[in-house]
C-alpha cells in the first residue's frame, strides 16, 4: 500500500510541495516504510505540522490552505484507501461529496434525471 500511495502522490507535482518540515519523497526507502509501520503498531505515529499559506480567492480576499509534508500525504492516502474499501459500499448512491467519480456535477445530473418532468 505504501508503494501504491507513493506512486499516486508522486504523479501530482503539487503533492511534492514541502511543508514546514523540509522532507521530500526522494529519501523514501524500505527503512522509512518499516519505521512508519512500526510507529503505527506501537501507536507512536504523529503527523508533522503543515505549512499554512493563504491563497487568493476568485472574488478577492484570501483563504487559508495547509500543506502537509509529502510523507504525511502518503500516510493520508493509505488511510483514504483503507476507509474507502471499508465504507464505500455502505454509502448512499445519493451521496456525492468527496467520493471517487462523484461531484457537484454528478449530483446535479441526478437531480435533473430524478425530478425532470416528462412532457
PDB file of N, CA and C in Angstrom:
ATOM      1  N   UNK A   1       0.815  -1.197   0.000  1.00  0.00           N
ATOM      2  CA  UNK A   1       0.000   0.000   0.000  1.00  0.00           C
ATOM      3  C   UNK A   1       0.861   1.264   0.000  1.00  0.00           C
ATOM      4  N   UNK A   2       1.987   1.210   0.671  1.00  0.00           N
ATOM      5  CA  UNK A   2       2.872   2.380   0.690  1.00  0.00           C
ATOM      6  C   UNK A   2       3.388   2.706  -0.705  1.00  0.00           C
ATOM      7  N   UNK A   3       3.743   1.677  -1.461  1.00  0.00           N
ATOM      8  CA  UNK A   3       4.259   1.892  -2.809  1.00  0.00           C
ATOM      9  C   UNK A   3       3.152   2.434  -3.713  1.00  0.00           C
ATOM     10  N   UNK A   4       1.951   1.893  -3.593  1.00  0.00           N
ATOM     11  CA  UNK A   4       0.821   2.379  -4.384  1.00  0.00           C
ATOM     12  C   UNK A   4       0.547   3.846  -4.050  1.00  0.00           C
ATOM     13  N   UNK A   5       0.506   4.169  -2.761  1.00  0.00           N
ATOM     14  CA  UNK A   5       0.264   5.549  -2.327  1.00  0.00           C
ATOM     15  C   UNK A   5       1.386   6.465  -2.807  1.00  0.00           C
ATOM     16  N   UNK A   6       2.616   6.017  -2.693  1.00  0.00           N
ATOM     17  CA  UNK A   6       3.764   6.807  -3.159  1.00  0.00           C
ATOM     18  C   UNK A   6       3.637   7.115  -4.645  1.00  0.00           C
ATOM     19  N   UNK A   7       3.319   6.103  -5.444  1.00  0.00           N
ATOM     20  CA  UNK A   7       3.198   6.300  -6.894  1.00  0.00           C
ATOM     21  C   UNK A   7       2.068   7.260  -7.232  1.00  0.00           C
ATOM     22  N   UNK A   8       0.993   7.216  -6.463  1.00  0.00           N
ATOM     23  CA  UNK A   8      -0.113   8.134  -6.702  1.00  0.00           C
ATOM     24  C   UNK A   8       0.278   9.562  -6.309  1.00  0.00           C
ATOM     25  N   UNK A   9       0.947   9.702  -5.186  1.00  0.00           N
ATOM     26  CA  UNK A   9       1.337  11.026  -4.687  1.00  0.00           C
ATOM     27  C   UNK A   9       2.387  11.668  -5.595  1.00  0.00           C
ATOM     28  N   UNK A  10       3.390  10.907  -6.004  1.00  0.00           N
ATOM     29  CA  UNK A  10       4.491  11.491  -6.786  1.00  0.00           C
ATOM     30  C   UNK A  10       4.049  11.934  -8.170  1.00  0.00           C
ATOM     31  N   UNK A  11       2.923  11.394  -8.673  1.00  0.00           N
ATOM     32  CA  UNK A  11       2.484  11.746 -10.014  1.00  0.00           C
ATOM     33  C   UNK A  11       1.846  13.133 -10.065  1.00  0.00           C
ATOM     34  N   UNK A  12       1.506  13.707  -8.916  1.00  0.00           N
ATOM     35  CA  UNK A  12       0.929  15.042  -8.865  1.00  0.00           C
ATOM     36  C   UNK A  12       1.974  16.004  -8.316  1.00  0.00           C
ATOM     37  N   UNK A  13       2.503  16.908  -9.152  1.00  0.00           N
ATOM     38  CA  UNK A  13       3.580  17.799  -8.699  1.00  0.00           C
ATOM     39  C   UNK A  13       3.212  18.629  -7.473  1.00  0.00           C
ATOM     40  N   UNK A  14       1.930  18.984  -7.316  1.00  0.00           N
ATOM     41  CA  UNK A  14       1.512  19.748  -6.143  1.00  0.00           C
ATOM     42  C   UNK A  14       1.725  18.986  -4.856  1.00  0.00           C
ATOM     43  N   UNK A  15       1.718  17.664  -4.920  1.00  0.00           N
ATOM     44  CA  UNK A  15       1.914  16.855  -3.724  1.00  0.00           C
ATOM     45  C   UNK A  15       3.366  16.831  -3.273  1.00  0.00           C
ATOM     46  N   UNK A  16       4.249  17.334  -4.094  1.00  0.00           N
ATOM     47  CA  UNK A  16       5.663  17.355  -3.717  1.00  0.00           C
ATOM     48  C   UNK A  16       6.053  18.672  -3.049  1.00  0.00           C
ATOM     49  N   UNK A  17       5.093  19.597  -2.903  1.00  0.00           N
ATOM     50  CA  UNK A  17       5.365  20.868  -2.249  1.00  0.00           C
ATOM     51  C   UNK A  17       5.732  20.608  -0.793  1.00  0.00           C
ATOM     52  N   UNK A  18       6.893  21.105  -0.356  1.00  0.00           N
ATOM     53  CA  UNK A  18       7.305  20.832   1.020  1.00  0.00           C
ATOM     54  C   UNK A  18       6.433  21.554   2.033  1.00  0.00           C
ATOM     55  N   UNK A  19       6.256  20.926   3.172  1.00  0.00           N
ATOM     56  CA  UNK A  19       5.538  21.551   4.270  1.00  0.00           C
ATOM     57  C   UNK A  19       6.531  22.285   5.146  1.00  0.00           C
ATOM     58  N   UNK A  20       6.240  22.387   6.439  1.00  0.00           N
ATOM     59  CA  UNK A  20       7.159  23.040   7.382  1.00  0.00           C
ATOM     60  C   UNK A  20       8.449  22.236   7.476  1.00  0.00           C
ATOM     61  N   UNK A  21       8.307  20.909   7.500  1.00  0.00           N
ATOM     62  CA  UNK A  21       9.465  20.024   7.590  1.00  0.00           C
ATOM     63  C   UNK A  21      10.058  19.884   6.191  1.00  0.00           C
ATOM     64  N   UNK A  22      11.329  20.209   5.995  1.00  0.00           N
ATOM     65  CA  UNK A  22      11.916  20.145   4.651  1.00  0.00           C
ATOM     66  C   UNK A  22      12.221  18.703   4.227  1.00  0.00           C
ATOM     67  N   UNK A  23      11.180  17.919   4.143  1.00  0.00           N
ATOM     68  CA  UNK A  23      11.330  16.491   3.876  1.00  0.00           C
ATOM     69  C   UNK A  23      10.585  16.200   2.584  1.00  0.00           C
ATOM     70  N   UNK A  24      11.249  15.542   1.664  1.00  0.00           N
ATOM     71  CA  UNK A  24      10.610  15.216   0.401  1.00  0.00           C
ATOM     72  C   UNK A  24      10.392  13.733   0.262  1.00  0.00           C
ATOM     73  N   UNK A  25      10.024  13.342  -0.927  1.00  0.00           N
ATOM     74  CA  UNK A  25       9.805  11.928  -1.204  1.00  0.00           C
ATOM     75  C   UNK A  25      11.061  11.245  -1.725  1.00  0.00           C
ATOM     76  N   UNK A  26      12.082  12.024  -2.035  1.00  0.00           N
ATOM     77  CA  UNK A  26      13.288  11.449  -2.633  1.00  0.00           C
ATOM     78  C   UNK A  26      14.011  10.481  -1.712  1.00  0.00           C
ATOM     79  N   UNK A  27      13.873  10.638  -0.403  1.00  0.00           N
ATOM     80  CA  UNK A  27      14.555   9.744   0.528  1.00  0.00           C
ATOM     81  C   UNK A  27      13.698   8.581   0.988  1.00  0.00           C
ATOM     82  N   UNK A  28      12.563   8.368   0.313  1.00  0.00           N
ATOM     83  CA  UNK A  28      11.664   7.283   0.709  1.00  0.00           C
ATOM     84  C   UNK A  28      12.366   5.950   0.505  1.00  0.00           C
ATOM     85  N   UNK A  29      12.313   5.116   1.518  1.00  0.00           N
ATOM     86  CA  UNK A  29      13.010   3.841   1.440  1.00  0.00           C
ATOM     87  C   UNK A  29      12.204   2.773   2.164  1.00  0.00           C
ATOM     88  N   UNK A  30      12.634   1.528   1.993  1.00  0.00           N
ATOM     89  CA  UNK A  30      12.019   0.425   2.741  1.00  0.00           C
ATOM     90  C   UNK A  30      12.153   0.667   4.238  1.00  0.00           C
ATOM     91  N   UNK A  31      13.283   1.256   4.639  1.00  0.00           N
ATOM     92  CA  UNK A  31      13.510   1.547   6.061  1.00  0.00           C
ATOM     93  C   UNK A  31      12.464   2.527   6.589  1.00  0.00           C
ATOM     94  N   UNK A  32      12.182   3.597   5.819  1.00  0.00           N
ATOM     95  CA  UNK A  32      11.166   4.565   6.241  1.00  0.00           C
ATOM     96  C   UNK A  32       9.800   3.886   6.355  1.00  0.00           C
ATOM     97  N   UNK A  33       9.475   3.039   5.376  1.00  0.00           N
ATOM     98  CA  UNK A  33       8.194   2.325   5.400  1.00  0.00           C
ATOM     99  C   UNK A  33       8.108   1.457   6.643  1.00  0.00           C
ATOM    100  N   UNK A  34       9.161   0.710   6.951  1.00  0.00           N
ATOM    101  CA  UNK A  34       9.154  -0.175   8.126  1.00  0.00           C
ATOM    102  C   UNK A  34       9.060   0.631   9.427  1.00  0.00           C
ATOM    103  N   UNK A  35       9.769   1.758   9.492  1.00  0.00           N
ATOM    104  CA  UNK A  35       9.693   2.613  10.688  1.00  0.00           C
ATOM    105  C   UNK A  35       8.277   3.169  10.860  1.00  0.00           C
ATOM    106  N   UNK A  36       7.656   3.547   9.750  1.00  0.00           N
ATOM    107  CA  UNK A  36       6.297   4.093   9.813  1.00  0.00           C
ATOM    108  C   UNK A  36       5.308   3.019  10.261  1.00  0.00           C
ATOM    109  N   UNK A  37       5.428   1.826   9.716  1.00  0.00           N
ATOM    110  CA  UNK A  37       4.568   0.714  10.125  1.00  0.00           C
ATOM    111  C   UNK A  37       4.745   0.425  11.612  1.00  0.00           C
ATOM    112  N   UNK A  38       6.010   0.409  12.061  1.00  0.00           N
ATOM    113  CA  UNK A  38       6.290   0.166  13.487  1.00  0.00           C
ATOM    114  C   UNK A  38       5.645   1.247  14.356  1.00  0.00           C
ATOM    115  N   UNK A  39       5.724   2.503  13.918  1.00  0.00           N
ATOM    116  CA  UNK A  39       5.144   3.585  14.712  1.00  0.00           C
ATOM    117  C   UNK A  39       3.612   3.496  14.771  1.00  0.00           C
ATOM    118  N   UNK A  40       2.997   2.935  13.733  1.00  0.00           N
ATOM    119  CA  UNK A  40       1.554   2.694  13.805  1.00  0.00           C
ATOM    120  C   UNK A  40       1.252   1.581  14.799  1.00  0.00           C
ATOM    121  N   UNK A  41       2.043   0.528  14.754  1.00  0.00           N
ATOM    122  CA  UNK A  41       1.810  -0.614  15.649  1.00  0.00           C
ATOM    123  C   UNK A  41       1.985  -0.237  17.110  1.00  0.00           C
ATOM    124  N   UNK A  42       3.016   0.572  17.420  1.00  0.00           N
ATOM    125  CA  UNK A  42       3.227   0.945  18.826  1.00  0.00           C
ATOM    126  C   UNK A  42       2.511   2.250  19.199  1.00  0.00           C
ATOM    127  N   UNK A  43       1.664   2.730  18.278  1.00  0.00           N
ATOM    128  CA  UNK A  43       0.821   3.912  18.479  1.00  0.00           C
ATOM    129  C   UNK A  43       1.607   5.189  18.759  1.00  0.00           C
ATOM    130  N   UNK A  44       2.817   5.282  18.225  1.00  0.00           N
ATOM    131  CA  UNK A  44       3.619   6.491  18.422  1.00  0.00           C
ATOM    132  C   UNK A  44       3.612   7.403  17.193  1.00  0.00           C
ATOM    133  N   UNK A  45       2.945   6.982  16.114  1.00  0.00           N
ATOM    134  CA  UNK A  45       2.927   7.797  14.892  1.00  0.00           C
ATOM    135  C   UNK A  45       2.226   9.121  15.148  1.00  0.00           C
ATOM    136  N   UNK A  46       2.810  10.193  14.649  1.00  0.00           N
ATOM    137  CA  UNK A  46       2.186  11.513  14.703  1.00  0.00           C
ATOM    138  C   UNK A  46       2.448  12.231  13.393  1.00  0.00           C
ATOM    139  N   UNK A  47       1.408  12.887  12.889  1.00  0.00           N
ATOM    140  CA  UNK A  47       1.597  13.711  11.705  1.00  0.00           C
ATOM    141  C   UNK A  47       2.434  14.915  12.071  1.00  0.00           C
ATOM    142  N   UNK A  48       3.227  15.381  11.121  1.00  0.00           N
ATOM    143  CA  UNK A  48       4.036  16.579  11.340  1.00  0.00           C
ATOM    144  C   UNK A  48       3.172  17.807  11.025  1.00  0.00           C
ATOM    145  N   UNK A  49       3.540  18.966  11.561  1.00  0.00           N
ATOM    146  CA  UNK A  49       2.746  20.165  11.277  1.00  0.00           C
ATOM    147  C   UNK A  49       2.792  20.511   9.790  1.00  0.00           C
ATOM    148  N   UNK A  50       1.710  21.074   9.318  1.00  0.00           N
ATOM    149  CA  UNK A  50       1.638  21.512   7.935  1.00  0.00           C
ATOM    150  C   UNK A  50       2.058  22.963   7.806  1.00  0.00           C
ATOM    151  N   UNK A  51       2.375  23.346   6.586  1.00  0.00           N
ATOM    152  CA  UNK A  51       2.731  24.744   6.313  1.00  0.00           C
ATOM    153  C   UNK A  51       1.452  25.472   5.918  1.00  0.00           C
ATOM    154  N   UNK A  52       1.176  26.580   6.565  1.00  0.00           N
ATOM    155  CA  UNK A  52      -0.058  27.333   6.328  1.00  0.00           C
ATOM    156  C   UNK A  52       0.245  28.516   5.417  1.00  0.00           C
ATOM    157  N   UNK A  53      -0.482  28.592   4.316  1.00  0.00           N
ATOM    158  CA  UNK A  53      -0.341  29.732   3.411  1.00  0.00           C
ATOM    159  C   UNK A  53      -1.735  30.268   3.123  1.00  0.00           C
ATOM    160  N   UNK A  54      -1.794  31.446   2.535  1.00  0.00           N
ATOM    161  CA  UNK A  54      -3.067  31.997   2.108  1.00  0.00           C
ATOM    162  C   UNK A  54      -3.058  32.112   0.600  1.00  0.00           C
ATOM    163  N   UNK A  55      -4.146  31.674  -0.021  1.00  0.00           N
ATOM    164  CA  UNK A  55      -4.236  31.761  -1.478  1.00  0.00           C
ATOM    165  C   UNK A  55      -5.366  32.721  -1.835  1.00  0.00           C
ATOM    166  N   UNK A  56      -5.238  33.338  -2.987  1.00  0.00           N
ATOM    167  CA  UNK A  56      -6.237  34.308  -3.430  1.00  0.00           C
ATOM    168  C   UNK A  56      -7.527  33.611  -3.828  1.00  0.00           C
ATOM    169  N   UNK A  57      -8.643  34.232  -3.459  1.00  0.00           N
ATOM    170  CA  UNK A  57      -9.956  33.743  -3.861  1.00  0.00           C
ATOM    171  C   UNK A  57     -10.357  34.473  -5.142  1.00  0.00           C
ATOM    172  N   UNK A  58     -11.153  33.836  -5.987  1.00  0.00           N
ATOM    173  CA  UNK A  58     -11.554  34.475  -7.251  1.00  0.00           C
ATOM    174  C   UNK A  58     -12.271  35.810  -7.054  1.00  0.00           C
ATOM    175  N   UNK A  59     -13.031  35.940  -5.974  1.00  0.00           N
ATOM    176  CA  UNK A  59     -13.790  37.173  -5.746  1.00  0.00           C
ATOM    177  C   UNK A  59     -13.029  38.178  -4.887  1.00  0.00           C
ATOM    178  N   UNK A  60     -11.741  38.007  -4.755  1.00  0.00           N
ATOM    179  CA  UNK A  60     -10.945  38.866  -3.878  1.00  0.00           C
ATOM    180  C   UNK A  60     -10.821  38.219  -2.516  1.00  0.00           C
ATOM    181  N   UNK A  61      -9.965  38.743  -1.707  1.00  0.00           N
ATOM    182  CA  UNK A  61      -9.745  38.143  -0.404  1.00  0.00           C
ATOM    183  C   UNK A  61      -8.822  36.936  -0.500  1.00  0.00           C
ATOM    184  N   UNK A  62      -8.645  36.289   0.610  1.00  0.00           N
ATOM    185  CA  UNK A  62      -7.746  35.140   0.669  1.00  0.00           C
ATOM    186  C   UNK A  62      -8.385  34.045   1.506  1.00  0.00           C
ATOM    187  N   UNK A  63      -7.933  32.812   1.279  1.00  0.00           N
ATOM    188  CA  UNK A  63      -8.376  31.704   2.126  1.00  0.00           C
ATOM    189  C   UNK A  63      -7.154  30.908   2.550  1.00  0.00           C
ATOM    190  N   UNK A  64      -7.197  30.367   3.773  1.00  0.00           N
ATOM    191  CA  UNK A  64      -6.042  29.619   4.263  1.00  0.00           C
ATOM    192  C   UNK A  64      -5.967  28.228   3.627  1.00  0.00           C
ATOM    193  N   UNK A  65      -4.749  27.764   3.425  1.00  0.00           N
ATOM    194  CA  UNK A  65      -4.501  26.427   2.892  1.00  0.00           C
ATOM    195  C   UNK A  65      -3.336  25.847   3.673  1.00  0.00           C
ATOM    196  N   UNK A  66      -3.507  24.633   4.179  1.00  0.00           N
ATOM    197  CA  UNK A  66      -2.438  23.966   4.915  1.00  0.00           C
ATOM    198  C   UNK A  66      -1.833  22.896   4.031  1.00  0.00           C
ATOM    199  N   UNK A  67      -0.517  22.926   3.882  1.00  0.00           N
ATOM    200  CA  UNK A  67       0.199  21.964   3.048  1.00  0.00           C
ATOM    201  C   UNK A  67       0.914  20.975   3.960  1.00  0.00           C
ATOM    202  N   UNK A  68       0.498  19.712   3.869  1.00  0.00           N
ATOM    203  CA  UNK A  68       1.112  18.656   4.687  1.00  0.00           C
ATOM    204  C   UNK A  68       2.438  18.236   4.065  1.00  0.00           C
ATOM    205  N   UNK A  69       3.366  17.755   4.879  1.00  0.00           N
ATOM    206  CA  UNK A  69       4.617  17.222   4.325  1.00  0.00           C
ATOM    207  C   UNK A  69       4.315  16.035   3.401  1.00  0.00           C
ATOM    208  N   UNK A  70       5.108  15.853   2.337  1.00  0.00           N
ATOM    209  CA  UNK A  70       4.843  14.775   1.369  1.00  0.00           C
ATOM    210  C   UNK A  70       4.698  13.388   1.992  1.00  0.00           C
ATOM    211  N   UNK A  71       5.504  13.067   2.988  1.00  0.00           N
ATOM    212  CA  UNK A  71       5.407  11.727   3.592  1.00  0.00           C
ATOM    213  C   UNK A  71       4.099  11.561   4.368  1.00  0.00           C
ATOM    214  N   UNK A  72       3.627  12.640   4.989  1.00  0.00           N
ATOM    215  CA  UNK A  72       2.330  12.576   5.650  1.00  0.00           C
ATOM    216  C   UNK A  72       1.230  12.358   4.617  1.00  0.00           C
ATOM    217  N   UNK A  73       1.408  12.923   3.422  1.00  0.00           N
ATOM    218  CA  UNK A  73       0.421  12.733   2.358  1.00  0.00           C
ATOM    219  C   UNK A  73       0.338  11.263   1.947  1.00  0.00           C
ATOM    220  N   UNK A  74       1.469  10.560   2.005  1.00  0.00           N
ATOM    221  CA  UNK A  74       1.455   9.123   1.699  1.00  0.00           C
ATOM    222  C   UNK A  74       0.606   8.393   2.730  1.00  0.00           C
ATOM    223  N   UNK A  75       0.809   8.700   3.998  1.00  0.00           N
ATOM    224  CA  UNK A  75       0.041   8.058   5.068  1.00  0.00           C
ATOM    225  C   UNK A  75      -1.447   8.418   4.923  1.00  0.00           C
ATOM    226  N   UNK A  76      -1.747   9.662   4.601  1.00  0.00           N
ATOM    227  CA  UNK A  76      -3.132  10.074   4.404  1.00  0.00           C
ATOM    228  C   UNK A  76      -3.769   9.312   3.239  1.00  0.00           C
ATOM    229  N   UNK A  77      -3.023   9.116   2.169  1.00  0.00           N
ATOM    230  CA  UNK A  77      -3.542   8.368   1.015  1.00  0.00           C
ATOM    231  C   UNK A  77      -3.797   6.908   1.387  1.00  0.00           C
ATOM    232  N   UNK A  78      -2.927   6.318   2.176  1.00  0.00           N
ATOM    233  CA  UNK A  78      -3.131   4.934   2.628  1.00  0.00           C
ATOM    234  C   UNK A  78      -4.408   4.850   3.465  1.00  0.00           C
ATOM    235  N   UNK A  79      -4.590   5.790   4.379  1.00  0.00           N
ATOM    236  CA  UNK A  79      -5.805   5.807   5.193  1.00  0.00           C
ATOM    237  C   UNK A  79      -7.042   5.993   4.319  1.00  0.00           C
ATOM    238  N   UNK A  80      -6.951   6.860   3.307  1.00  0.00           N
ATOM    239  CA  UNK A  80      -8.074   7.062   2.395  1.00  0.00           C
ATOM    240  C   UNK A  80      -8.425   5.763   1.682  1.00  0.00           C
ATOM    241  N   UNK A  81      -7.406   5.026   1.207  1.00  0.00           N
ATOM    242  CA  UNK A  81      -7.650   3.763   0.507  1.00  0.00           C
ATOM    243  C   UNK A  81      -8.328   2.751   1.435  1.00  0.00           C
ATOM    244  N   UNK A  82      -7.875   2.673   2.670  1.00  0.00           N
ATOM    245  CA  UNK A  82      -8.451   1.729   3.635  1.00  0.00           C
ATOM    246  C   UNK A  82      -9.904   2.098   3.933  1.00  0.00           C
ATOM    247  N   UNK A  83     -10.147   3.371   4.260  1.00  0.00           N
ATOM    248  CA  UNK A  83     -11.510   3.795   4.585  1.00  0.00           C
ATOM    249  C   UNK A  83     -12.446   3.629   3.396  1.00  0.00           C
ATOM    250  N   UNK A  84     -11.961   3.947   2.213  1.00  0.00           N
ATOM    251  CA  UNK A  84     -12.800   3.789   1.021  1.00  0.00           C
ATOM    252  C   UNK A  84     -13.177   2.322   0.822  1.00  0.00           C
ATOM    253  N   UNK A  85     -12.228   1.425   0.992  1.00  0.00           N
ATOM    254  CA  UNK A  85     -12.510  -0.009   0.840  1.00  0.00           C
ATOM    255  C   UNK A  85     -13.530  -0.496   1.865  1.00  0.00           C
ATOM    256  N   UNK A  86     -13.474   0.052   3.066  1.00  0.00           N
ATOM    257  CA  UNK A  86     -14.393  -0.371   4.126  1.00  0.00           C
ATOM    258  C   UNK A  86     -15.780   0.246   3.953  1.00  0.00           C
ATOM    259  N   UNK A  87     -15.845   1.549   3.686  1.00  0.00           N
ATOM    260  CA  UNK A  87     -17.110   2.265   3.775  1.00  0.00           C
ATOM    261  C   UNK A  87     -17.815   2.569   2.456  1.00  0.00           C
ATOM    262  N   UNK A  88     -17.117   2.556   1.337  1.00  0.00           N
ATOM    263  CA  UNK A  88     -17.724   2.975   0.070  1.00  0.00           C
ATOM    264  C   UNK A  88     -18.999   2.204  -0.243  1.00  0.00           C
ATOM    265  N   UNK A  89     -19.020   0.918  -0.002  1.00  0.00           N
ATOM    266  CA  UNK A  89     -20.205   0.109  -0.322  1.00  0.00           C
ATOM    267  C   UNK A  89     -21.399   0.449   0.569  1.00  0.00           C
ATOM    268  N   UNK A  90     -21.156   1.100   1.705  1.00  0.00           N
ATOM    269  CA  UNK A  90     -22.239   1.462   2.616  1.00  0.00           C
ATOM    270  C   UNK A  90     -22.850   2.831   2.331  1.00  0.00           C
ATOM    271  N   UNK A  91     -22.182   3.631   1.498  1.00  0.00           N
ATOM    272  CA  UNK A  91     -22.682   4.971   1.221  1.00  0.00           C
ATOM    273  C   UNK A  91     -23.906   4.929   0.330  1.00  0.00           C
ATOM    274  N   UNK A  92     -24.765   5.878   0.526  1.00  0.00           N
ATOM    275  CA  UNK A  92     -25.954   6.020  -0.307  1.00  0.00           C
ATOM    276  C   UNK A  92     -25.540   6.458  -1.712  1.00  0.00           C
ATOM    277  N   UNK A  93     -26.265   5.982  -2.713  1.00  0.00           N
ATOM    278  CA  UNK A  93     -25.978   6.418  -4.083  1.00  0.00           C
ATOM    279  C   UNK A  93     -26.340   7.888  -4.252  1.00  0.00           C
ATOM    280  N   UNK A  94     -27.037   8.457  -3.275  1.00  0.00           N
ATOM    281  CA  UNK A  94     -27.395   9.875  -3.307  1.00  0.00           C
ATOM    282  C   UNK A  94     -26.328  10.762  -2.687  1.00  0.00           C
ATOM    283  N   UNK A  95     -25.283  10.156  -2.146  1.00  0.00           N
ATOM    284  CA  UNK A  95     -24.200  10.903  -1.521  1.00  0.00           C
ATOM    285  C   UNK A  95     -23.124  11.185  -2.558  1.00  0.00           C
ATOM    286  N   UNK A  96     -22.846  12.463  -2.782  1.00  0.00           N
ATOM    287  CA  UNK A  96     -21.913  12.848  -3.841  1.00  0.00           C
ATOM    288  C   UNK A  96     -20.654  13.545  -3.330  1.00  0.00           C
ATOM    289  N   UNK A  97     -20.587  13.910  -2.070  1.00  0.00           N
ATOM    290  CA  UNK A  97     -19.462  14.685  -1.566  1.00  0.00           C
ATOM    291  C   UNK A  97     -18.218  13.861  -1.297  1.00  0.00           C
ATOM    292  N   UNK A  98     -17.096  14.270  -1.846  1.00  0.00           N
ATOM    293  CA  UNK A  98     -15.784  13.700  -1.564  1.00  0.00           C
ATOM    294  C   UNK A  98     -15.712  12.206  -1.859  1.00  0.00           C
ATOM    295  N   UNK A  99     -16.317  11.787  -2.972  1.00  0.00           N
ATOM    296  CA  UNK A  99     -16.283  10.380  -3.367  1.00  0.00           C
ATOM    297  C   UNK A  99     -15.754  10.272  -4.778  1.00  0.00           C
ATOM    298  N   UNK A 100     -15.032   9.194  -5.030  1.00  0.00           N
ATOM    299  CA  UNK A 100     -14.448   8.958  -6.345  1.00  0.00           C
ATOM    300  C   UNK A 100     -15.572   8.869  -7.380  1.00  0.00           C
ATOM    301  N   UNK A 101     -15.429   9.630  -8.459  1.00  0.00           N
ATOM    302  CA  UNK A 101     -16.419   9.604  -9.529  1.00  0.00           C
ATOM    303  C   UNK A 101     -17.691  10.373  -9.218  1.00  0.00           C
ATOM    304  N   UNK A 102     -17.733  11.044  -8.078  1.00  0.00           N
ATOM    305  CA  UNK A 102     -18.908  11.821  -7.692  1.00  0.00           C
ATOM    306  C   UNK A 102     -18.473  13.273  -7.498  1.00  0.00           C
ATOM    307  N   UNK A 103     -19.397  14.188  -7.759  1.00  0.00           N
ATOM    308  CA  UNK A 103     -19.077  15.607  -7.624  1.00  0.00           C
ATOM    309  C   UNK A 103     -20.375  16.390  -7.585  1.00  0.00           C
ATOM    310  N   UNK A 104     -20.271  17.700  -7.518  1.00  0.00           N
ATOM    311  CA  UNK A 104     -21.480  18.516  -7.580  1.00  0.00           C
ATOM    312  C   UNK A 104     -22.151  18.332  -8.941  1.00  0.00           C
ATOM    313  N   UNK A 105     -21.368  18.058  -9.974  1.00  0.00           N
ATOM    314  CA  UNK A 105     -21.934  17.844 -11.311  1.00  0.00           C
ATOM    315  C   UNK A 105     -22.748  16.550 -11.362  1.00  0.00           C
ATOM    316  N   UNK A 106     -22.233  15.482 -10.746  1.00  0.00           N
ATOM    317  CA  UNK A 106     -22.996  14.226 -10.734  1.00  0.00           C
ATOM    318  C   UNK A 106     -24.263  14.379  -9.896  1.00  0.00           C
ATOM    319  N   UNK A 107     -24.193  15.185  -8.833  1.00  0.00           N
ATOM    320  CA  UNK A 107     -25.382  15.434  -8.011  1.00  0.00           C
ATOM    321  C   UNK A 107     -26.437  16.186  -8.818  1.00  0.00           C
ATOM    322  N   UNK A 108     -26.012  17.195  -9.572  1.00  0.00           N
ATOM    323  CA  UNK A 108     -26.954  17.951 -10.399  1.00  0.00           C
ATOM    324  C   UNK A 108     -27.572  17.080 -11.487  1.00  0.00           C
ATOM    325  N   UNK A 109     -26.760  16.209 -12.093  1.00  0.00           N
ATOM    326  CA  UNK A 109     -27.299  15.278 -13.100  1.00  0.00           C
ATOM    327  C   UNK A 109     -28.350  14.371 -12.478  1.00  0.00           C
ATOM    328  N   UNK A 110     -28.079  13.886 -11.269  1.00  0.00           N
ATOM    329  CA  UNK A 110     -29.029  13.003 -10.598  1.00  0.00           C
ATOM    330  C   UNK A 110     -30.329  13.743 -10.293  1.00  0.00           C
ATOM    331  N   UNK A 111     -30.224  14.977  -9.824  1.00  0.00           N
ATOM    332  CA  UNK A 111     -31.423  15.765  -9.538  1.00  0.00           C
ATOM    333  C   UNK A 111     -32.222  15.962 -10.824  1.00  0.00           C
ATOM    334  N   UNK A 112     -31.545  16.315 -11.904  1.00  0.00           N
ATOM    335  CA  UNK A 112     -32.231  16.540 -13.188  1.00  0.00           C
ATOM    336  C   UNK A 112     -32.920  15.258 -13.657  1.00  0.00           C
ATOM    337  N   UNK A 113     -32.238  14.136 -13.585  1.00  0.00           N
ATOM    338  CA  UNK A 113     -32.796  12.863 -14.028  1.00  0.00           C
ATOM    339  C   UNK A 113     -33.970  12.425 -13.147  1.00  0.00           C
ATOM    340  N   UNK A 114     -33.806  12.575 -11.853  1.00  0.00           N
ATOM    341  CA  UNK A 114     -34.817  12.107 -10.893  1.00  0.00           C
ATOM    342  C   UNK A 114     -36.070  12.973 -10.909  1.00  0.00           C
ATOM    343  N   UNK A 115     -35.883  14.274 -11.046  1.00  0.00           N
ATOM    344  CA  UNK A 115     -37.018  15.182 -10.864  1.00  0.00           C
ATOM    345  C   UNK A 115     -37.485  15.874 -12.152  1.00  0.00           C
ATOM    346  N   UNK A 116     -36.920  15.502 -13.304  1.00  0.00           N
ATOM    347  CA  UNK A 116     -37.395  16.150 -14.540  1.00  0.00           C
ATOM    348  C   UNK A 116     -38.774  15.622 -14.895  1.00  0.00           C
ATOM    349  N   UNK A 117     -39.585  16.495 -15.402  1.00  0.00           N
ATOM    350  CA  UNK A 117     -40.957  16.157 -15.764  1.00  0.00           C
ATOM    351  C   UNK A 117     -40.995  15.850 -17.249  1.00  0.00           C
ATOM    352  N   UNK A 118     -41.522  14.697 -17.586  1.00  0.00           N
ATOM    353  CA  UNK A 118     -41.647  14.316 -18.995  1.00  0.00           C
ATOM    354  C   UNK A 118     -42.843  15.037 -19.594  1.00  0.00           C
ATOM    355  N   UNK A 119     -42.691  15.506 -20.812  1.00  0.00           N
ATOM    356  CA  UNK A 119     -43.798  16.205 -21.477  1.00  0.00           C
ATOM    357  C   UNK A 119     -44.665  15.229 -22.221  1.00  0.00           C
TER     358      UNK A 119
END
